[in-house]
N, C-alpha and C. Protein backbone atom coordinates (compact mmCIF):
# COMPACT_ATOMS: atom_id res chain seq x y z
N MET A 1 256.43 -192.31 -102.19
CA MET A 1 256.38 -193.43 -101.37
C MET A 1 254.94 -193.65 -100.90
N LEU A 2 254.46 -194.77 -101.06
CA LEU A 2 253.08 -195.17 -100.65
C LEU A 2 253.27 -196.13 -99.42
N ILE A 3 252.77 -195.74 -98.28
CA ILE A 3 252.88 -196.53 -97.09
C ILE A 3 251.56 -197.17 -96.80
N ASN A 4 251.56 -198.50 -96.57
CA ASN A 4 250.41 -199.26 -96.18
C ASN A 4 250.42 -199.60 -94.77
N ASN A 5 249.76 -198.82 -93.91
CA ASN A 5 249.73 -199.11 -92.51
C ASN A 5 248.55 -199.97 -92.10
N SER A 6 247.88 -200.52 -93.03
CA SER A 6 246.71 -201.33 -92.72
C SER A 6 247.03 -202.76 -92.36
N LYS A 7 246.00 -203.56 -92.16
CA LYS A 7 246.25 -204.95 -91.77
C LYS A 7 246.08 -205.88 -92.95
N SER A 8 245.82 -205.29 -94.12
CA SER A 8 245.63 -206.08 -95.35
C SER A 8 246.40 -205.52 -96.48
N ALA A 9 246.65 -206.30 -97.48
CA ALA A 9 247.44 -205.88 -98.71
C ALA A 9 246.70 -204.83 -99.44
N PHE A 10 247.44 -203.93 -100.04
CA PHE A 10 246.77 -202.79 -100.84
C PHE A 10 247.07 -203.02 -102.32
N ASN A 11 246.00 -203.09 -103.12
CA ASN A 11 246.11 -203.33 -104.54
C ASN A 11 245.78 -202.00 -105.21
N LEU A 12 246.68 -201.43 -105.98
CA LEU A 12 246.40 -200.18 -106.74
C LEU A 12 245.25 -200.32 -107.69
N GLY A 13 245.08 -201.48 -108.27
CA GLY A 13 244.00 -201.71 -109.24
C GLY A 13 244.10 -200.66 -110.35
N ALA A 14 242.88 -200.15 -110.79
CA ALA A 14 242.88 -199.09 -111.79
C ALA A 14 242.63 -197.74 -111.25
N ASN A 15 242.74 -197.59 -109.88
CA ASN A 15 242.39 -196.44 -109.19
C ASN A 15 243.33 -195.21 -109.38
N PHE A 16 244.52 -195.49 -109.81
CA PHE A 16 245.53 -194.38 -109.96
C PHE A 16 245.94 -194.20 -111.41
N GLY A 17 245.39 -194.91 -112.37
CA GLY A 17 245.75 -194.78 -113.73
C GLY A 17 244.87 -193.58 -114.38
N GLU A 18 245.24 -193.27 -115.59
CA GLU A 18 244.49 -192.25 -116.34
C GLU A 18 243.25 -192.90 -116.85
N SER A 19 242.08 -192.47 -116.43
CA SER A 19 240.83 -193.12 -116.82
C SER A 19 240.59 -193.19 -118.25
N SER A 20 241.11 -192.21 -119.11
CA SER A 20 240.83 -192.20 -120.51
C SER A 20 241.79 -193.00 -121.35
N VAL A 21 242.70 -193.74 -120.63
CA VAL A 21 243.75 -194.53 -121.30
C VAL A 21 243.59 -195.95 -120.87
N GLY A 22 243.57 -196.89 -121.78
CA GLY A 22 243.45 -198.28 -121.50
C GLY A 22 244.87 -198.78 -120.94
N GLY A 23 244.84 -199.97 -120.30
CA GLY A 23 246.10 -200.59 -119.80
C GLY A 23 246.77 -199.89 -118.66
N GLU A 24 245.94 -199.16 -117.82
CA GLU A 24 246.51 -198.43 -116.74
C GLU A 24 246.39 -199.24 -115.40
N TYR A 25 245.99 -200.42 -115.53
CA TYR A 25 245.82 -201.29 -114.28
C TYR A 25 247.16 -201.38 -113.55
N ARG A 26 247.17 -201.08 -112.25
CA ARG A 26 248.32 -201.14 -111.35
C ARG A 26 249.43 -200.15 -111.70
N SER A 27 249.00 -198.99 -112.29
CA SER A 27 249.97 -197.92 -112.53
C SER A 27 249.54 -196.67 -111.84
N ILE A 28 250.35 -195.64 -111.88
CA ILE A 28 250.04 -194.31 -111.31
C ILE A 28 249.92 -193.29 -112.35
N GLY A 29 249.62 -193.72 -113.61
CA GLY A 29 249.56 -192.77 -114.80
C GLY A 29 248.60 -191.69 -114.68
N GLY A 30 247.67 -191.69 -113.80
CA GLY A 30 246.80 -190.57 -113.60
C GLY A 30 247.29 -189.39 -112.70
N THR A 31 248.52 -189.58 -112.20
CA THR A 31 249.15 -188.53 -111.41
C THR A 31 249.45 -187.37 -112.26
N ASN A 32 249.28 -186.10 -111.77
CA ASN A 32 249.66 -184.94 -112.55
C ASN A 32 250.12 -183.83 -111.64
N LEU A 33 250.67 -182.79 -112.25
CA LEU A 33 251.22 -181.67 -111.53
C LEU A 33 250.51 -180.41 -111.93
N HIS A 34 250.18 -179.49 -110.99
CA HIS A 34 249.52 -178.21 -111.40
C HIS A 34 250.53 -177.08 -111.04
N ASP A 35 250.70 -176.24 -112.02
CA ASP A 35 251.51 -175.00 -111.89
C ASP A 35 250.57 -173.89 -111.86
N ALA A 36 250.22 -173.43 -110.62
CA ALA A 36 249.30 -172.40 -110.44
C ALA A 36 249.71 -171.08 -111.01
N ALA A 37 251.06 -170.74 -110.87
CA ALA A 37 251.57 -169.47 -111.37
C ALA A 37 251.31 -169.27 -112.86
N ASN A 38 251.55 -170.34 -113.67
CA ASN A 38 251.43 -170.31 -115.15
C ASN A 38 250.12 -170.91 -115.62
N LYS A 39 249.25 -171.34 -114.64
CA LYS A 39 247.92 -171.96 -115.01
C LYS A 39 248.11 -173.11 -116.06
N ARG A 40 249.00 -173.99 -115.63
CA ARG A 40 249.31 -175.08 -116.49
C ARG A 40 249.27 -176.47 -115.73
N LYS A 41 248.88 -177.52 -116.38
CA LYS A 41 248.76 -178.85 -115.86
C LYS A 41 249.77 -179.77 -116.62
N TYR A 42 250.54 -180.46 -115.85
CA TYR A 42 251.50 -181.38 -116.46
C TYR A 42 251.13 -182.75 -116.22
N PHE A 43 250.92 -183.58 -117.33
CA PHE A 43 250.52 -184.95 -117.23
C PHE A 43 251.72 -185.84 -117.21
N THR A 44 251.58 -187.06 -116.73
CA THR A 44 252.59 -188.07 -116.75
C THR A 44 252.93 -188.30 -118.20
N GLN A 45 254.29 -188.29 -118.51
CA GLN A 45 254.72 -188.50 -119.88
C GLN A 45 254.44 -189.97 -120.27
N ARG A 46 254.32 -190.13 -121.64
CA ARG A 46 253.96 -191.40 -122.26
C ARG A 46 254.87 -191.75 -123.38
N ASP A 47 255.10 -192.96 -123.63
CA ASP A 47 255.90 -193.42 -124.77
C ASP A 47 255.07 -193.42 -126.07
N ALA A 48 255.64 -193.82 -127.14
CA ALA A 48 254.98 -193.82 -128.46
C ALA A 48 253.71 -194.70 -128.49
N ASP A 49 253.66 -195.71 -127.62
CA ASP A 49 252.48 -196.53 -127.54
C ASP A 49 251.46 -196.05 -126.57
N GLY A 50 251.73 -194.96 -125.89
CA GLY A 50 250.76 -194.37 -124.87
C GLY A 50 250.88 -194.89 -123.52
N THR A 51 252.02 -195.69 -123.28
CA THR A 51 252.17 -196.27 -121.95
C THR A 51 252.90 -195.19 -121.09
N CYS A 52 252.38 -195.04 -119.89
CA CYS A 52 252.98 -194.00 -118.97
C CYS A 52 254.45 -194.37 -118.62
N LEU A 53 255.20 -193.27 -118.50
CA LEU A 53 256.50 -193.46 -118.01
C LEU A 53 256.45 -193.26 -116.47
N CYS A 54 256.02 -194.29 -115.87
CA CYS A 54 255.74 -194.20 -114.42
C CYS A 54 255.79 -195.73 -113.90
N SER A 55 255.55 -195.78 -112.52
CA SER A 55 255.39 -197.09 -111.94
C SER A 55 254.28 -197.80 -112.58
N ARG A 56 254.45 -199.04 -113.02
CA ARG A 56 253.49 -199.85 -113.66
C ARG A 56 253.51 -201.30 -113.12
N ALA A 57 252.58 -202.05 -113.22
CA ALA A 57 252.50 -203.32 -112.80
C ALA A 57 252.93 -203.44 -111.28
N VAL A 58 252.49 -202.46 -110.59
CA VAL A 58 252.84 -202.46 -109.12
C VAL A 58 252.18 -203.64 -108.40
N PRO A 59 252.97 -204.48 -107.72
CA PRO A 59 252.44 -205.60 -106.98
C PRO A 59 251.61 -205.11 -105.74
N ASP A 60 250.87 -205.94 -105.19
CA ASP A 60 250.15 -205.65 -103.90
C ASP A 60 251.24 -205.14 -102.92
N ILE A 61 250.86 -204.11 -102.18
CA ILE A 61 251.71 -203.59 -101.13
C ILE A 61 251.27 -204.26 -99.79
N ASP A 62 252.17 -205.04 -99.29
CA ASP A 62 251.86 -205.84 -98.15
C ASP A 62 251.50 -204.97 -96.88
N PRO A 63 250.73 -205.51 -95.91
CA PRO A 63 250.41 -204.74 -94.73
C PRO A 63 251.70 -204.31 -94.03
N GLN A 64 251.68 -203.14 -93.46
CA GLN A 64 252.70 -202.48 -92.63
C GLN A 64 254.06 -202.47 -93.51
N SER A 65 253.84 -202.22 -94.86
CA SER A 65 255.07 -202.02 -95.62
C SER A 65 254.87 -200.80 -96.57
N GLN A 66 255.80 -200.58 -97.50
CA GLN A 66 255.77 -199.41 -98.33
C GLN A 66 256.36 -199.72 -99.69
N ALA A 67 256.04 -198.88 -100.67
CA ALA A 67 256.54 -199.02 -102.08
C ALA A 67 256.95 -197.59 -102.52
N THR A 68 258.05 -197.58 -103.26
CA THR A 68 258.50 -196.38 -103.85
C THR A 68 257.92 -196.30 -105.25
N LEU A 69 257.15 -195.26 -105.55
CA LEU A 69 256.50 -195.14 -106.84
C LEU A 69 257.08 -193.90 -107.61
N TRP A 70 257.10 -193.94 -108.89
CA TRP A 70 257.64 -192.79 -109.62
C TRP A 70 256.81 -192.45 -110.85
N ALA A 71 256.99 -191.25 -111.39
CA ALA A 71 256.37 -190.81 -112.61
C ALA A 71 257.18 -189.73 -113.22
N LYS A 72 257.28 -189.71 -114.57
CA LYS A 72 258.09 -188.63 -115.29
C LYS A 72 257.14 -187.63 -115.84
N PHE A 73 257.55 -186.35 -115.72
CA PHE A 73 256.75 -185.26 -116.13
C PHE A 73 257.60 -184.34 -117.00
N PRO A 74 257.00 -183.54 -117.91
CA PRO A 74 257.71 -182.53 -118.69
C PRO A 74 258.34 -181.53 -117.68
N ALA A 75 259.42 -180.97 -118.01
CA ALA A 75 260.13 -179.94 -117.19
C ALA A 75 259.28 -178.63 -117.20
N PRO A 76 259.03 -178.05 -116.08
CA PRO A 76 258.34 -176.76 -116.09
C PRO A 76 259.30 -175.63 -116.40
N PRO A 77 258.78 -174.42 -116.69
CA PRO A 77 259.70 -173.29 -116.89
C PRO A 77 260.69 -173.18 -115.72
N PRO A 78 261.88 -172.56 -115.93
CA PRO A 78 262.89 -172.49 -114.85
C PRO A 78 262.45 -171.59 -113.66
N ASP A 79 261.46 -170.66 -113.78
CA ASP A 79 261.09 -169.88 -112.74
C ASP A 79 260.07 -170.51 -111.76
N VAL A 80 259.58 -171.71 -112.10
CA VAL A 80 258.64 -172.40 -111.28
C VAL A 80 259.41 -173.12 -110.15
N ARG A 81 259.02 -172.76 -108.92
CA ARG A 81 259.72 -173.31 -107.77
C ARG A 81 258.88 -174.30 -106.92
N ALA A 82 257.61 -174.33 -107.18
CA ALA A 82 256.73 -175.26 -106.47
C ALA A 82 255.47 -175.62 -107.27
N MET A 83 254.92 -176.81 -107.07
CA MET A 83 253.79 -177.19 -107.73
C MET A 83 252.85 -177.98 -106.81
N THR A 84 251.63 -178.21 -107.23
CA THR A 84 250.61 -179.04 -106.54
C THR A 84 250.72 -180.43 -107.18
N VAL A 85 250.90 -181.48 -106.38
CA VAL A 85 250.93 -182.81 -106.89
C VAL A 85 249.54 -183.39 -106.61
N VAL A 86 248.99 -183.91 -107.75
CA VAL A 86 247.62 -184.48 -107.72
C VAL A 86 247.72 -186.05 -108.05
N ILE A 87 247.31 -186.83 -107.05
CA ILE A 87 247.32 -188.25 -107.27
C ILE A 87 245.82 -188.62 -107.07
N PRO A 88 245.20 -189.42 -108.03
CA PRO A 88 243.87 -189.73 -107.89
C PRO A 88 243.50 -190.38 -106.51
N HIS A 89 242.42 -189.89 -105.96
CA HIS A 89 241.89 -190.41 -104.69
C HIS A 89 242.63 -189.94 -103.47
N PHE A 90 243.55 -189.02 -103.62
CA PHE A 90 244.27 -188.45 -102.47
C PHE A 90 243.96 -186.95 -102.46
N VAL A 91 244.19 -186.33 -101.33
CA VAL A 91 244.06 -184.87 -101.22
C VAL A 91 245.27 -184.28 -101.96
N PRO A 92 245.07 -183.23 -102.76
CA PRO A 92 246.20 -182.64 -103.47
C PRO A 92 247.23 -182.13 -102.49
N MET A 93 248.48 -182.33 -102.82
CA MET A 93 249.58 -181.85 -101.98
C MET A 93 250.14 -180.48 -102.62
N GLU A 94 249.83 -179.42 -102.00
CA GLU A 94 250.13 -178.08 -102.52
C GLU A 94 251.47 -177.57 -102.13
N ASN A 95 251.99 -176.66 -103.00
CA ASN A 95 253.22 -175.95 -102.79
C ASN A 95 254.37 -176.94 -102.44
N ILE A 96 254.48 -178.00 -103.28
CA ILE A 96 255.63 -178.88 -103.09
C ILE A 96 256.80 -178.28 -103.90
N PRO A 97 258.03 -178.06 -103.16
CA PRO A 97 259.13 -177.46 -103.89
C PRO A 97 259.66 -178.43 -104.91
N ILE A 98 260.15 -177.89 -106.03
CA ILE A 98 260.81 -178.65 -107.07
C ILE A 98 262.25 -178.18 -107.25
N GLY A 99 263.06 -179.01 -107.71
CA GLY A 99 264.45 -178.63 -108.00
C GLY A 99 264.65 -178.51 -109.44
N GLN A 100 265.80 -177.85 -109.80
CA GLN A 100 266.11 -177.71 -111.28
C GLN A 100 267.32 -178.63 -111.57
């Protein structure tokens, strides 16, 4: 969930897309997960055309409102119980529990 508590609309622009992939404007394709225990990084999954399986074409988020965003990732090994969530331009969120 992205919450806009400001007085102006928030435009994702290309700030949250994967910089090495074209067509990421208004997507969160640059989001990834870090599995510290197995020293592995999980990237947002993509279809055969390279398009992220994630929130795309996200409209401006109005002032004092919120938007639910999503991204699909490969499943980690069954023993992984928490990961770090990395969203471009945000502080990493560490030790986030995951369910099976």
